[in-house]
């Protein structure tokens, strides 16, 4: 289990920062308390991040964590209020992967995919 306390603190502020319907000026849903809570649980179960994700709320009120290595290497994890996790990764100019899984049963799989992308402080060989 990692110590990603800065990210957890940022996640906790989302419920306040994005609490009003239409926070984006276009009718976005407020941040879902369940999505925030599930995102915190996910982050607390992961290894330490090598670099912090950008954390935000999408127009449906779901929390996302986004990592950029460069303009061609990006990883987006969106956590819905019903516990679905949507992973979207690009690597290079043409490699793209998208996966939907259930948070309650797929945390090791999510962790493995993020490890492959390189978001953790530890390398794959040292685990």
N, C-alpha and C. Protein backbone atom coordinates (compact mmCIF):
# COMPACT_ATOMS: atom_id res chain seq x y z
N UNK A 1 0.84 -1.17 0.00
CA UNK A 1 0.00 0.00 0.00
C UNK A 1 0.89 1.24 0.00
N UNK A 2 0.51 2.22 -0.77
CA UNK A 2 1.32 3.41 -0.94
C UNK A 2 0.96 4.54 0.00
N UNK A 3 1.75 5.58 -0.05
CA UNK A 3 1.50 6.78 0.73
C UNK A 3 1.30 7.93 -0.24
N UNK A 4 0.11 8.04 -0.77
CA UNK A 4 -0.22 9.05 -1.76
C UNK A 4 -1.09 10.13 -1.12
N UNK A 5 -0.63 10.64 0.03
CA UNK A 5 -1.45 11.53 0.84
C UNK A 5 -1.80 12.84 0.14
N UNK A 6 -0.90 13.40 -0.67
CA UNK A 6 -1.22 14.64 -1.39
C UNK A 6 -2.39 14.43 -2.35
N UNK A 7 -2.39 13.29 -3.03
CA UNK A 7 -3.48 12.99 -3.96
C UNK A 7 -4.78 12.76 -3.20
N UNK A 8 -4.72 12.06 -2.07
CA UNK A 8 -5.92 11.83 -1.26
C UNK A 8 -6.48 13.17 -0.78
N UNK A 9 -5.62 14.07 -0.32
CA UNK A 9 -6.09 15.38 0.13
C UNK A 9 -6.78 16.14 -1.00
N UNK A 10 -6.19 16.09 -2.19
CA UNK A 10 -6.80 16.76 -3.35
C UNK A 10 -8.16 16.13 -3.66
N UNK A 11 -8.24 14.81 -3.61
CA UNK A 11 -9.52 14.14 -3.87
C UNK A 11 -10.59 14.58 -2.88
N UNK A 12 -10.21 14.76 -1.63
CA UNK A 12 -11.17 15.16 -0.60
C UNK A 12 -11.72 16.56 -0.85
N UNK A 13 -10.98 17.41 -1.54
CA UNK A 13 -11.46 18.78 -1.82
C UNK A 13 -12.43 18.84 -3.00
N UNK A 14 -12.48 17.79 -3.79
CA UNK A 14 -13.32 17.83 -5.00
C UNK A 14 -14.80 18.00 -4.68
N UNK A 15 -15.26 17.40 -3.59
CA UNK A 15 -16.67 17.50 -3.22
C UNK A 15 -17.07 18.95 -2.95
N UNK A 16 -16.13 19.75 -2.47
CA UNK A 16 -16.40 21.16 -2.20
C UNK A 16 -16.21 21.99 -3.46
N UNK A 17 -15.09 21.78 -4.16
CA UNK A 17 -14.77 22.57 -5.35
C UNK A 17 -15.80 22.40 -6.46
N UNK A 18 -16.35 21.20 -6.58
CA UNK A 18 -17.27 20.90 -7.68
C UNK A 18 -18.64 20.49 -7.12
N UNK A 19 -19.12 21.22 -6.13
CA UNK A 19 -20.35 20.84 -5.43
C UNK A 19 -21.63 21.36 -6.07
N UNK A 20 -21.53 22.34 -6.91
CA UNK A 20 -22.71 22.96 -7.50
C UNK A 20 -23.03 22.36 -8.87
N UNK A 21 -24.31 22.09 -9.14
CA UNK A 21 -24.68 21.68 -10.51
C UNK A 21 -24.29 22.80 -11.48
N UNK A 22 -23.79 22.41 -12.62
CA UNK A 22 -23.39 23.38 -13.64
C UNK A 22 -22.08 24.09 -13.33
N UNK A 23 -21.21 23.49 -12.52
CA UNK A 23 -19.95 24.11 -12.13
C UNK A 23 -19.09 24.50 -13.32
N UNK A 24 -19.32 23.86 -14.47
CA UNK A 24 -18.52 24.15 -15.67
C UNK A 24 -19.16 25.20 -16.57
N UNK A 25 -20.35 25.69 -16.18
CA UNK A 25 -21.05 26.66 -17.01
C UNK A 25 -21.89 26.02 -18.10
N UNK A 26 -21.89 24.68 -18.17
CA UNK A 26 -22.61 23.97 -19.22
C UNK A 26 -23.52 22.87 -18.67
N UNK A 27 -23.85 22.90 -17.40
CA UNK A 27 -24.77 21.92 -16.84
C UNK A 27 -24.14 20.65 -16.30
N UNK A 28 -22.87 20.70 -15.96
CA UNK A 28 -22.19 19.51 -15.42
C UNK A 28 -22.81 19.12 -14.08
N UNK A 29 -22.75 17.82 -13.80
CA UNK A 29 -23.22 17.29 -12.52
C UNK A 29 -22.20 17.64 -11.43
N UNK A 30 -22.67 17.84 -10.20
CA UNK A 30 -21.70 18.05 -9.10
C UNK A 30 -20.89 16.78 -8.87
N UNK A 31 -19.76 16.93 -8.22
CA UNK A 31 -18.92 15.77 -7.90
C UNK A 31 -19.72 14.76 -7.09
N UNK A 32 -19.68 13.52 -7.51
CA UNK A 32 -20.37 12.44 -6.82
C UNK A 32 -19.59 12.05 -5.57
N UNK A 33 -20.25 12.12 -4.41
CA UNK A 33 -19.60 11.72 -3.16
C UNK A 33 -19.11 10.27 -3.23
N UNK A 34 -19.91 9.42 -3.88
CA UNK A 34 -19.51 8.01 -3.99
C UNK A 34 -18.28 7.85 -4.88
N UNK A 35 -18.23 8.60 -5.96
CA UNK A 35 -17.07 8.55 -6.85
C UNK A 35 -15.83 9.05 -6.12
N UNK A 36 -15.97 10.13 -5.35
CA UNK A 36 -14.84 10.66 -4.57
C UNK A 36 -14.37 9.60 -3.57
N UNK A 37 -15.29 9.02 -2.83
CA UNK A 37 -14.94 8.00 -1.83
C UNK A 37 -14.28 6.78 -2.45
N UNK A 38 -14.81 6.32 -3.56
CA UNK A 38 -14.23 5.16 -4.23
C UNK A 38 -12.84 5.48 -4.80
N UNK A 39 -12.66 6.70 -5.28
CA UNK A 39 -11.35 7.11 -5.79
C UNK A 39 -10.32 7.15 -4.67
N UNK A 40 -10.73 7.66 -3.52
CA UNK A 40 -9.82 7.69 -2.36
C UNK A 40 -9.43 6.26 -1.98
N UNK A 41 -10.39 5.37 -1.94
CA UNK A 41 -10.09 3.97 -1.61
C UNK A 41 -9.11 3.37 -2.60
N UNK A 42 -9.31 3.65 -3.88
CA UNK A 42 -8.40 3.14 -4.90
C UNK A 42 -6.99 3.67 -4.68
N UNK A 43 -6.85 4.98 -4.54
CA UNK A 43 -5.53 5.59 -4.38
C UNK A 43 -4.83 5.07 -3.13
N UNK A 44 -5.57 4.90 -2.04
CA UNK A 44 -4.97 4.39 -0.81
C UNK A 44 -4.51 2.94 -0.94
N UNK A 45 -5.05 2.21 -1.89
CA UNK A 45 -4.66 0.81 -2.07
C UNK A 45 -3.47 0.63 -3.01
N UNK A 46 -3.02 1.70 -3.64
CA UNK A 46 -1.96 1.62 -4.64
C UNK A 46 -0.59 1.93 -4.06
N UNK A 47 0.44 1.53 -4.79
CA UNK A 47 1.81 1.88 -4.45
C UNK A 47 2.01 3.38 -4.57
N UNK A 48 3.13 3.89 -4.05
CA UNK A 48 3.44 5.32 -4.16
C UNK A 48 3.57 5.71 -5.62
N UNK A 49 2.99 6.87 -5.95
CA UNK A 49 3.09 7.38 -7.32
C UNK A 49 4.47 7.94 -7.58
N UNK A 50 4.99 7.69 -8.76
CA UNK A 50 6.26 8.28 -9.20
C UNK A 50 6.05 9.77 -9.47
N UNK A 51 4.95 10.10 -10.10
CA UNK A 51 4.57 11.48 -10.32
C UNK A 51 3.08 11.60 -10.08
N UNK A 52 2.67 12.71 -9.49
CA UNK A 52 1.29 12.90 -9.07
C UNK A 52 0.37 13.05 -10.27
N UNK A 53 -0.82 12.48 -10.16
CA UNK A 53 -1.78 12.66 -11.24
C UNK A 53 -2.47 14.02 -11.15
N UNK A 54 -2.96 14.48 -12.28
CA UNK A 54 -3.90 15.59 -12.27
C UNK A 54 -5.23 14.99 -11.84
N UNK A 55 -5.91 15.62 -10.89
CA UNK A 55 -7.15 15.09 -10.35
C UNK A 55 -8.27 16.07 -10.66
N UNK A 56 -9.41 15.55 -11.11
CA UNK A 56 -10.54 16.42 -11.43
C UNK A 56 -11.85 15.67 -11.45
N UNK A 57 -12.87 16.38 -11.92
CA UNK A 57 -14.21 15.84 -12.03
C UNK A 57 -14.69 16.04 -13.45
N UNK A 58 -15.28 15.00 -14.04
CA UNK A 58 -15.80 15.13 -15.40
C UNK A 58 -17.24 15.66 -15.35
N UNK A 59 -17.84 15.98 -16.48
CA UNK A 59 -19.19 16.56 -16.50
C UNK A 59 -20.29 15.65 -15.93
N UNK A 60 -20.02 14.35 -15.81
CA UNK A 60 -20.99 13.44 -15.20
C UNK A 60 -20.86 13.39 -13.68
N UNK A 61 -19.89 14.12 -13.13
CA UNK A 61 -19.67 14.12 -11.69
C UNK A 61 -18.73 13.04 -11.21
N UNK A 62 -18.09 12.34 -12.14
CA UNK A 62 -17.17 11.26 -11.80
C UNK A 62 -15.75 11.80 -11.65
N UNK A 63 -15.01 11.22 -10.73
CA UNK A 63 -13.63 11.63 -10.47
C UNK A 63 -12.70 10.97 -11.48
N UNK A 64 -11.69 11.74 -11.91
CA UNK A 64 -10.66 11.15 -12.76
C UNK A 64 -9.28 11.51 -12.24
N UNK A 65 -8.35 10.62 -12.53
CA UNK A 65 -6.93 10.83 -12.26
C UNK A 65 -6.23 10.67 -13.60
N UNK A 66 -5.35 11.60 -13.90
CA UNK A 66 -4.72 11.61 -15.22
C UNK A 66 -3.22 11.83 -15.09
N UNK A 67 -2.47 10.98 -15.77
CA UNK A 67 -1.01 11.08 -15.78
C UNK A 67 -0.55 11.34 -17.21
N UNK A 68 0.44 12.20 -17.35
CA UNK A 68 1.07 12.48 -18.64
C UNK A 68 2.56 12.24 -18.50
N UNK A 69 3.11 11.43 -19.37
CA UNK A 69 4.57 11.33 -19.46
C UNK A 69 5.04 12.30 -20.53
N UNK A 70 4.32 12.36 -21.61
CA UNK A 70 4.52 13.36 -22.66
C UNK A 70 3.24 13.38 -23.49
N UNK A 71 3.22 14.13 -24.57
CA UNK A 71 1.95 14.29 -25.31
C UNK A 71 1.44 13.00 -25.95
N UNK A 72 2.31 12.01 -26.09
CA UNK A 72 1.90 10.74 -26.68
C UNK A 72 1.68 9.63 -25.66
N UNK A 73 2.03 9.87 -24.42
CA UNK A 73 1.89 8.85 -23.37
C UNK A 73 1.03 9.41 -22.25
N UNK A 74 -0.22 8.94 -22.22
CA UNK A 74 -1.18 9.45 -21.25
C UNK A 74 -1.98 8.30 -20.66
N UNK A 75 -2.39 8.48 -19.42
CA UNK A 75 -3.19 7.48 -18.72
C UNK A 75 -4.31 8.20 -17.99
N UNK A 76 -5.54 7.78 -18.23
CA UNK A 76 -6.71 8.37 -17.60
C UNK A 76 -7.48 7.27 -16.88
N UNK A 77 -7.73 7.48 -15.58
CA UNK A 77 -8.53 6.55 -14.78
C UNK A 77 -9.73 7.33 -14.27
N UNK A 78 -10.93 6.89 -14.64
CA UNK A 78 -12.17 7.53 -14.20
C UNK A 78 -12.92 6.55 -13.32
N UNK A 79 -13.39 7.02 -12.16
CA UNK A 79 -14.11 6.17 -11.21
C UNK A 79 -15.54 6.68 -11.12
N UNK A 80 -16.49 5.82 -11.47
CA UNK A 80 -17.90 6.21 -11.43
C UNK A 80 -18.47 6.01 -10.03
N UNK A 81 -19.69 6.50 -9.83
CA UNK A 81 -20.31 6.36 -8.51
C UNK A 81 -20.79 4.94 -8.25
N UNK A 82 -20.93 4.12 -9.29
CA UNK A 82 -21.36 2.73 -9.09
C UNK A 82 -20.19 1.75 -9.01
N UNK A 83 -18.95 2.28 -8.93
CA UNK A 83 -17.78 1.42 -8.74
C UNK A 83 -17.12 0.94 -10.01
N UNK A 84 -17.57 1.42 -11.15
CA UNK A 84 -16.89 1.07 -12.41
C UNK A 84 -15.66 1.96 -12.56
N UNK A 85 -14.60 1.35 -13.07
CA UNK A 85 -13.37 2.08 -13.33
C UNK A 85 -13.10 1.99 -14.83
N UNK A 86 -12.89 3.15 -15.43
CA UNK A 86 -12.59 3.23 -16.86
C UNK A 86 -11.14 3.64 -17.01
N UNK A 87 -10.35 2.79 -17.66
CA UNK A 87 -8.94 3.06 -17.89
C UNK A 87 -8.73 3.31 -19.37
N UNK A 88 -8.10 4.42 -19.68
CA UNK A 88 -7.75 4.75 -21.05
C UNK A 88 -6.28 5.13 -21.07
N UNK A 89 -5.51 4.44 -21.91
CA UNK A 89 -4.08 4.69 -21.99
C UNK A 89 -3.66 4.82 -23.44
N UNK A 90 -2.77 5.77 -23.67
CA UNK A 90 -2.13 5.89 -24.97
C UNK A 90 -0.63 5.81 -24.74
N UNK A 91 0.04 5.18 -25.66
CA UNK A 91 1.49 5.07 -25.60
C UNK A 91 2.02 5.14 -27.01
N UNK A 92 2.79 6.15 -27.29
CA UNK A 92 3.27 6.34 -28.66
C UNK A 92 2.18 6.97 -29.51
N UNK A 93 2.41 7.00 -30.79
CA UNK A 93 1.47 7.65 -31.69
C UNK A 93 0.23 6.83 -31.98
N UNK A 94 0.32 5.50 -31.86
CA UNK A 94 -0.82 4.70 -32.30
C UNK A 94 -1.28 3.65 -31.30
N UNK A 95 -0.59 3.44 -30.22
CA UNK A 95 -0.99 2.42 -29.25
C UNK A 95 -2.01 3.01 -28.29
N UNK A 96 -3.21 2.44 -28.25
CA UNK A 96 -4.28 2.91 -27.40
C UNK A 96 -4.96 1.72 -26.76
N UNK A 97 -5.30 1.84 -25.49
CA UNK A 97 -5.96 0.76 -24.78
C UNK A 97 -7.05 1.35 -23.92
N UNK A 98 -8.20 0.69 -23.90
CA UNK A 98 -9.30 1.12 -23.06
C UNK A 98 -9.89 -0.11 -22.38
N UNK A 99 -10.20 0.03 -21.10
CA UNK A 99 -10.73 -1.09 -20.35
C UNK A 99 -11.70 -0.57 -19.30
N UNK A 100 -12.77 -1.32 -19.08
CA UNK A 100 -13.72 -1.03 -18.01
C UNK A 100 -13.71 -2.22 -17.07
N UNK A 101 -13.63 -1.93 -15.78
CA UNK A 101 -13.64 -3.01 -14.80
C UNK A 101 -14.35 -2.56 -13.53
N UNK A 102 -14.59 -3.50 -12.65
CA UNK A 102 -15.27 -3.22 -11.39
C UNK A 102 -14.24 -3.02 -10.30
N UNK A 103 -14.34 -1.89 -9.60
CA UNK A 103 -13.35 -1.56 -8.58
C UNK A 103 -13.27 -2.62 -7.49
N UNK A 104 -14.41 -3.17 -7.09
CA UNK A 104 -14.42 -4.10 -5.97
C UNK A 104 -13.67 -5.40 -6.24
N UNK A 105 -13.53 -5.77 -7.50
CA UNK A 105 -12.87 -7.04 -7.80
C UNK A 105 -11.62 -6.90 -8.68
N UNK A 106 -11.27 -5.70 -9.08
CA UNK A 106 -10.20 -5.54 -10.07
C UNK A 106 -9.04 -4.67 -9.63
N UNK A 107 -8.92 -4.36 -8.34
CA UNK A 107 -7.83 -3.49 -7.90
C UNK A 107 -6.46 -4.04 -8.30
N UNK A 108 -6.18 -5.36 -8.17
CA UNK A 108 -4.87 -5.85 -8.62
C UNK A 108 -4.65 -5.64 -10.12
N UNK A 109 -5.68 -5.83 -10.91
CA UNK A 109 -5.57 -5.62 -12.36
C UNK A 109 -5.31 -4.15 -12.68
N UNK A 110 -6.03 -3.26 -12.01
CA UNK A 110 -5.83 -1.82 -12.20
C UNK A 110 -4.41 -1.45 -11.81
N UNK A 111 -3.95 -1.95 -10.67
CA UNK A 111 -2.60 -1.68 -10.19
C UNK A 111 -1.56 -2.17 -11.20
N UNK A 112 -1.76 -3.34 -11.75
CA UNK A 112 -0.83 -3.90 -12.72
C UNK A 112 -0.75 -3.05 -13.98
N UNK A 113 -1.90 -2.57 -14.44
CA UNK A 113 -1.92 -1.74 -15.65
C UNK A 113 -1.23 -0.40 -15.40
N UNK A 114 -1.46 0.19 -14.23
CA UNK A 114 -0.79 1.44 -13.89
C UNK A 114 0.71 1.23 -13.71
N UNK A 115 1.09 0.08 -13.16
CA UNK A 115 2.50 -0.26 -13.02
C UNK A 115 3.17 -0.36 -14.39
N UNK A 116 2.50 -1.01 -15.33
CA UNK A 116 3.03 -1.11 -16.69
C UNK A 116 3.20 0.25 -17.33
N UNK A 117 2.31 1.19 -17.01
CA UNK A 117 2.40 2.54 -17.56
C UNK A 117 3.52 3.34 -16.90
N UNK A 118 3.90 2.96 -15.68
CA UNK A 118 5.02 3.61 -15.01
C UNK A 118 4.64 4.70 -14.03
N UNK A 119 3.45 4.64 -13.43
CA UNK A 119 3.05 5.71 -12.51
C UNK A 119 3.56 5.52 -11.09
N UNK A 120 4.10 4.35 -10.78
CA UNK A 120 4.54 4.08 -9.42
C UNK A 120 6.04 4.31 -9.24
N UNK A 121 6.44 4.52 -7.98
CA UNK A 121 7.85 4.74 -7.66
C UNK A 121 8.68 3.48 -7.84
N UNK A 122 8.08 2.32 -7.60
CA UNK A 122 8.81 1.06 -7.73
C UNK A 122 8.73 0.56 -9.16
N UNK A 123 9.80 -0.06 -9.60
CA UNK A 123 9.82 -0.69 -10.91
C UNK A 123 9.18 -2.06 -10.82
N UNK A 124 8.70 -2.57 -11.92
CA UNK A 124 8.03 -3.87 -11.96
C UNK A 124 8.92 -5.00 -11.43
N UNK A 125 10.21 -4.95 -11.76
CA UNK A 125 11.11 -6.03 -11.35
C UNK A 125 11.30 -6.10 -9.85
N UNK A 126 11.09 -4.99 -9.13
CA UNK A 126 11.37 -4.99 -7.70
C UNK A 126 10.16 -5.40 -6.87
N UNK A 127 9.05 -5.72 -7.49
CA UNK A 127 7.85 -6.11 -6.73
C UNK A 127 7.82 -7.58 -6.44
